[in-house]
Amino acid sequence: MTGATRQKSEESGQPGTSGIRFLKGNSLSELVRHEIEAMIVAGHFAPNERINEMSLATQCGVSRAPVREACRALAAVGLLEYIPNRGLFVRQMDEAELREVDIARGFAFGAVAWSLAENATPAQLHELRGHILGMDEAVVADDVSAYYPLNVAFHTALCEMCGNRRLANTYQGFARELHVQRFRGLSAPASLHLSNREHGQIVEAIAAGDPQAAFDAARGHVMNGYARILEQRRAMEEGQAGGTAEEPPPE
């Protein structure tokens, strides 16, 4: 396990590799999932690197079964990508592609919010506010692993409610390309609080029946997320550069 991965595990209260060896039991696959998440966030894997389940099992000190289960869970939320006949991969974009996709995603999400602001029902608003309350609990716990699936569910709910399947599918297509980057962006300090505050602004604009304000809040949320992604990427690059610097000779 890399030093960055170990530090991430310690800061988040998640067990590192040594903890996994001693905490085998019903929660083993979840512990392995947290460890692989930490590796992904810390940049342990090279861009588009194939996930080697056997190697991870050896590294984590477990059998292959919990690693396989953990990888399936990560693929379900988009942190890993399954390519038929090839296996699981961590997909990462260069900055030009990331900017292009996020700009398009921002306009699509703004249009989703605009459409919903025109005809949102009290029941839909109640459901969206419930999503925000659920995410608030993860914010208090500072648990990105718990927050991220709830975040995806909130965005999905908006798409399902907007009444335009083509628009919703367009947004979801862009979103699926960005799972790893979005997860990393939410791992930056204070990101969970800022992200959910922006969710609240979107819902209140929709509740006010103001399509333009809803569009602006939703597009702004995506572009703020893009800025958080870049901030986290810079921090990772600086950390990796510092880790490769030559150590002074012993005195």
Protein backbone atom coordinates (compact mmCIF):
# COMPACT_ATOMS: atom_id res chain seq x y z
CA MET A 1 0.00 0.00 0.00
CA THR A 2 1.36 3.43 -0.88
CA GLY A 3 2.06 6.08 1.73
CA ALA A 4 -0.70 8.25 0.25
CA THR A 5 -3.15 5.38 0.49
CA ARG A 6 -2.16 4.68 4.08
CA GLN A 7 -2.55 8.35 4.99
CA LYS A 8 -5.98 8.49 3.34
CA SER A 9 -7.09 5.41 5.26
CA GLU A 10 -5.89 6.84 8.57
CA GLU A 11 -7.49 10.24 8.02
CA SER A 12 -10.85 8.76 7.06
CA GLY A 13 -10.89 6.27 9.88
CA GLN A 14 -10.91 3.41 7.38
CA PRO A 15 -8.74 0.38 8.07
CA GLY A 16 -5.55 -0.03 6.09
CA THR A 17 -4.11 -3.29 4.83
CA SER A 18 -3.01 -4.41 8.30
CA GLY A 19 -6.52 -3.75 9.62
CA ILE A 20 -8.04 -5.88 6.89
CA ARG A 21 -5.86 -8.83 7.87
CA PHE A 22 -7.21 -8.70 11.43
CA LEU A 23 -10.85 -7.80 10.74
CA LYS A 24 -11.89 -10.72 8.58
CA GLY A 25 -15.59 -11.43 8.95
CA ASN A 26 -18.95 -10.45 7.57
CA SER A 27 -17.73 -6.94 6.66
CA LEU A 28 -14.59 -8.09 4.90
CA SER A 29 -15.71 -7.20 1.37
CA GLU A 30 -16.74 -3.74 2.60
CA LEU A 31 -13.34 -3.20 4.20
CA VAL A 32 -11.68 -4.27 0.96
CA ARG A 33 -13.96 -1.91 -0.99
CA HIS A 34 -12.91 1.02 1.21
CA GLU A 35 -9.26 0.11 0.71
CA ILE A 36 -9.60 -0.02 -3.09
CA GLU A 37 -11.54 3.26 -3.03
CA ALA A 38 -8.66 4.84 -1.12
CA MET A 39 -6.21 3.51 -3.72
CA ILE A 40 -8.28 4.99 -6.56
CA VAL A 41 -8.61 8.38 -4.88
CA ALA A 42 -4.89 8.48 -4.03
CA GLY A 43 -3.93 7.79 -7.65
CA HIS A 44 -2.47 4.36 -6.90
CA PHE A 45 -3.57 3.13 -10.33
CA ALA A 46 -2.23 4.45 -13.62
CA PRO A 47 -4.75 5.93 -16.11
CA ASN A 48 -6.87 3.15 -17.64
CA GLU A 49 -4.97 0.50 -15.66
CA ARG A 50 -6.55 -2.94 -15.53
CA ILE A 51 -7.55 -4.13 -12.06
CA ASN A 52 -5.75 -7.33 -11.11
CA GLU A 53 -7.94 -9.08 -8.55
CA MET A 54 -5.30 -11.62 -7.59
CA SER A 55 -2.70 -8.93 -6.99
CA LEU A 56 -5.14 -6.92 -4.88
CA ALA A 57 -6.04 -10.00 -2.87
CA THR A 58 -2.36 -10.59 -2.10
CA GLN A 59 -1.81 -6.94 -1.25
CA CYS A 60 -4.82 -6.83 1.08
CA GLY A 61 -4.04 -10.18 2.64
CA VAL A 62 -7.41 -11.73 1.73
CA SER A 63 -8.79 -14.32 -0.66
CA ARG A 64 -9.93 -13.38 -4.14
CA ALA A 65 -13.66 -13.64 -3.34
CA PRO A 66 -14.03 -10.46 -1.23
CA VAL A 67 -11.91 -8.55 -3.75
CA ARG A 68 -14.20 -9.67 -6.55
CA GLU A 69 -17.27 -8.64 -4.54
CA ALA A 70 -15.71 -5.28 -3.68
CA CYS A 71 -14.84 -4.62 -7.32
CA ARG A 72 -18.40 -5.40 -8.40
CA ALA A 73 -19.68 -2.86 -5.87
CA LEU A 74 -17.25 -0.24 -7.17
CA ALA A 75 -18.27 -0.98 -10.76
CA ALA A 76 -21.92 -0.51 -9.77
CA VAL A 77 -21.23 3.10 -8.74
CA GLY A 78 -18.94 3.77 -11.69
CA LEU A 79 -15.54 3.90 -10.00
CA LEU A 80 -14.48 0.93 -12.09
CA GLU A 81 -15.46 0.19 -15.66
CA TYR A 82 -16.09 -3.34 -16.92
CA ILE A 83 -15.04 -4.05 -20.50
CA PRO A 84 -16.36 -7.41 -21.78
CA ASN A 85 -13.67 -10.04 -22.33
CA ARG A 86 -11.03 -7.69 -20.92
CA GLY A 87 -11.88 -7.06 -17.28
CA LEU A 88 -12.21 -4.10 -14.91
CA PHE A 89 -10.40 -0.81 -15.46
CA VAL A 90 -10.01 2.56 -13.74
CA ARG A 91 -10.87 5.14 -16.38
CA GLN A 92 -9.19 8.51 -16.07
CA MET A 93 -9.43 11.50 -18.42
CA ASP A 94 -6.84 14.06 -19.39
CA GLU A 95 -7.72 17.65 -18.52
CA ALA A 96 -8.85 18.65 -22.02
CA GLU A 97 -11.33 15.77 -22.21
CA LEU A 98 -12.45 16.35 -18.63
CA ARG A 99 -13.22 20.02 -19.34
CA GLU A 100 -15.08 19.19 -22.53
CA VAL A 101 -17.29 16.58 -20.90
CA ASP A 102 -17.98 18.65 -17.79
CA ILE A 103 -19.02 21.73 -19.78
CA ALA A 104 -21.47 19.59 -21.75
CA ARG A 105 -22.68 17.92 -18.53
CA GLY A 106 -23.21 21.32 -16.94
CA PHE A 107 -25.52 22.52 -19.70
CA ALA A 108 -27.39 19.21 -19.71
CA PHE A 109 -27.91 19.27 -15.94
CA GLY A 110 -29.01 22.90 -16.13
CA ALA A 111 -31.61 21.94 -18.72
CA VAL A 112 -32.81 19.06 -16.49
CA ALA A 113 -33.34 21.48 -13.60
CA TRP A 114 -35.03 24.04 -15.91
CA SER A 115 -37.50 21.42 -17.12
CA LEU A 116 -38.32 20.27 -13.60
CA ALA A 117 -38.78 23.86 -12.35
CA GLU A 118 -41.61 24.25 -14.84
CA ASN A 119 -43.74 21.44 -13.42
CA ALA A 120 -42.35 20.06 -10.13
CA THR A 121 -44.93 18.57 -7.79
CA PRO A 122 -44.97 18.84 -3.99
CA ALA A 123 -44.25 15.11 -3.77
CA GLN A 124 -41.17 15.47 -5.98
CA LEU A 125 -39.86 18.38 -3.93
CA HIS A 126 -40.39 16.39 -0.75
CA GLU A 127 -38.41 13.49 -2.22
CA LEU A 128 -35.54 15.75 -3.33
CA ARG A 129 -35.33 17.36 0.11
CA GLY A 130 -35.21 13.88 1.60
CA HIS A 131 -32.19 13.11 -0.58
CA ILE A 132 -30.49 16.24 0.76
CA LEU A 133 -31.19 15.27 4.37
CA GLY A 134 -29.67 11.84 3.74
CA MET A 135 -26.56 13.43 2.27
CA ASP A 136 -26.33 15.80 5.24
CA GLU A 137 -25.77 12.78 7.48
CA ALA A 138 -22.84 11.68 5.32
CA VAL A 139 -21.50 15.26 5.36
CA VAL A 140 -21.52 15.30 9.17
CA ALA A 141 -19.67 11.98 9.17
CA ASP A 142 -17.31 13.31 6.45
CA ASP A 143 -17.83 9.98 4.67
CA VAL A 144 -17.34 10.30 0.92
CA SER A 145 -17.99 6.57 0.48
CA ALA A 146 -21.49 7.03 1.93
CA TYR A 147 -22.06 10.42 0.29
CA TYR A 148 -21.18 9.56 -3.28
CA PRO A 149 -23.92 6.95 -3.99
CA LEU A 150 -26.49 9.31 -2.40
CA ASN A 151 -25.17 12.12 -4.58
CA VAL A 152 -25.60 9.97 -7.69
CA ALA A 153 -29.11 9.03 -6.56
CA PHE A 154 -30.04 12.72 -6.17
CA HIS A 155 -28.85 13.57 -9.66
CA THR A 156 -30.64 10.51 -11.04
CA ALA A 157 -33.87 11.52 -9.29
CA LEU A 158 -33.76 14.96 -10.90
CA CYS A 159 -33.31 13.34 -14.30
CA GLU A 160 -36.21 10.93 -13.75
CA MET A 161 -38.47 13.77 -12.62
CA CYS A 162 -37.70 16.24 -15.41
CA GLY A 163 -40.10 14.59 -17.87
CA ASN A 164 -37.67 14.45 -20.79
CA ARG A 165 -36.08 11.03 -21.29
CA ARG A 166 -33.73 12.14 -24.07
CA LEU A 167 -32.41 15.01 -21.99
CA ALA A 168 -32.06 12.76 -18.95
CA ASN A 169 -30.21 10.10 -20.96
CA THR A 170 -27.88 12.73 -22.38
CA TYR A 171 -26.96 13.93 -18.90
CA GLN A 172 -26.55 10.40 -17.56
CA GLY A 173 -24.23 9.52 -20.44
CA PHE A 174 -21.91 12.38 -19.54
CA ALA A 175 -22.13 11.57 -15.84
CA ARG A 176 -21.12 7.94 -16.34
CA GLU A 177 -17.86 9.06 -17.92
CA LEU A 178 -16.91 11.06 -14.86
CA HIS A 179 -17.51 8.82 -11.85
CA VAL A 180 -13.85 8.48 -10.85
CA GLN A 181 -13.16 12.19 -11.27
CA ARG A 182 -16.31 13.22 -9.37
CA PHE A 183 -15.53 10.84 -6.51
CA ARG A 184 -12.01 12.27 -6.24
CA GLY A 185 -13.31 15.84 -6.34
CA LEU A 186 -15.61 15.09 -3.41
CA SER A 187 -12.61 13.79 -1.47
CA ALA A 188 -11.10 17.28 -1.29
CA PRO A 189 -11.46 19.13 2.05
CA ALA A 190 -14.93 20.69 2.65
CA SER A 191 -16.20 19.39 -0.70
CA LEU A 192 -19.10 17.40 0.75
CA HIS A 193 -20.50 20.43 2.59
CA LEU A 194 -20.18 22.68 -0.47
CA SER A 195 -21.66 20.07 -2.78
CA ASN A 196 -24.78 19.49 -0.68
CA ARG A 197 -25.29 23.19 -0.09
CA GLU A 198 -25.40 23.57 -3.87
CA HIS A 199 -27.94 20.72 -4.06
CA GLY A 200 -30.15 22.71 -1.71
CA GLN A 201 -29.88 25.79 -3.90
CA ILE A 202 -30.98 23.77 -6.93
CA VAL A 203 -34.02 22.36 -5.14
CA GLU A 204 -35.09 25.74 -3.75
CA ALA A 205 -34.89 27.31 -7.22
CA ILE A 206 -37.03 24.46 -8.56
CA ALA A 207 -39.47 24.91 -5.66
CA ALA A 208 -39.74 28.62 -6.49
CA GLY A 209 -40.78 27.71 -10.04
CA ASP A 210 -37.88 29.74 -11.45
CA PRO A 211 -36.44 27.86 -14.45
CA GLN A 212 -33.58 30.32 -15.04
CA ALA A 213 -32.45 30.22 -11.41
CA ALA A 214 -32.71 26.42 -11.44
CA PHE A 215 -30.63 26.24 -14.62
CA ASP A 216 -27.99 28.56 -13.19
CA ALA A 217 -27.81 26.67 -9.89
CA ALA A 218 -27.56 23.25 -11.56
CA ARG A 219 -24.98 24.31 -14.14
CA GLY A 220 -23.03 26.17 -11.45
CA HIS A 221 -23.03 23.04 -9.30
CA VAL A 222 -21.46 20.99 -12.08
CA MET A 223 -18.85 23.64 -12.87
CA ASN A 224 -18.00 24.08 -9.18
CA GLY A 225 -17.58 20.31 -9.05
CA TYR A 226 -15.24 20.55 -12.03
CA ALA A 227 -13.16 23.11 -10.11
CA ARG A 228 -13.05 20.75 -7.12
CA ILE A 229 -11.89 17.93 -9.38
CA LEU A 230 -9.04 20.08 -10.69
CA GLU A 231 -8.11 21.15 -7.15
CA GLN A 232 -7.90 17.54 -6.02
CA ARG A 233 -5.95 16.53 -9.14
CA ARG A 234 -3.40 19.29 -8.50
CA ALA A 235 -3.07 18.18 -4.88
CA MET A 236 -2.50 14.59 -5.97
CA GLU A 237 0.10 15.62 -8.54
CA GLU A 238 1.94 17.75 -5.98
CA GLY A 239 1.86 14.91 -3.47
CA GLN A 240 3.20 12.44 -6.02
CA ALA A 241 5.92 14.87 -7.07
CA GLY A 242 6.92 15.32 -3.45
CA GLY A 243 6.99 11.58 -2.95
CA THR A 244 9.39 11.06 -5.85
CA ALA A 245 11.83 13.71 -4.74
CA GLU A 246 15.27 12.43 -3.78
CA GLU A 247 15.77 11.99 -0.06
CA PRO A 248 18.76 13.69 1.55
CA PRO A 249 21.64 11.37 2.44
CA PRO A 250 21.62 10.11 6.02
CA GLU A 251 23.70 12.13 8.45
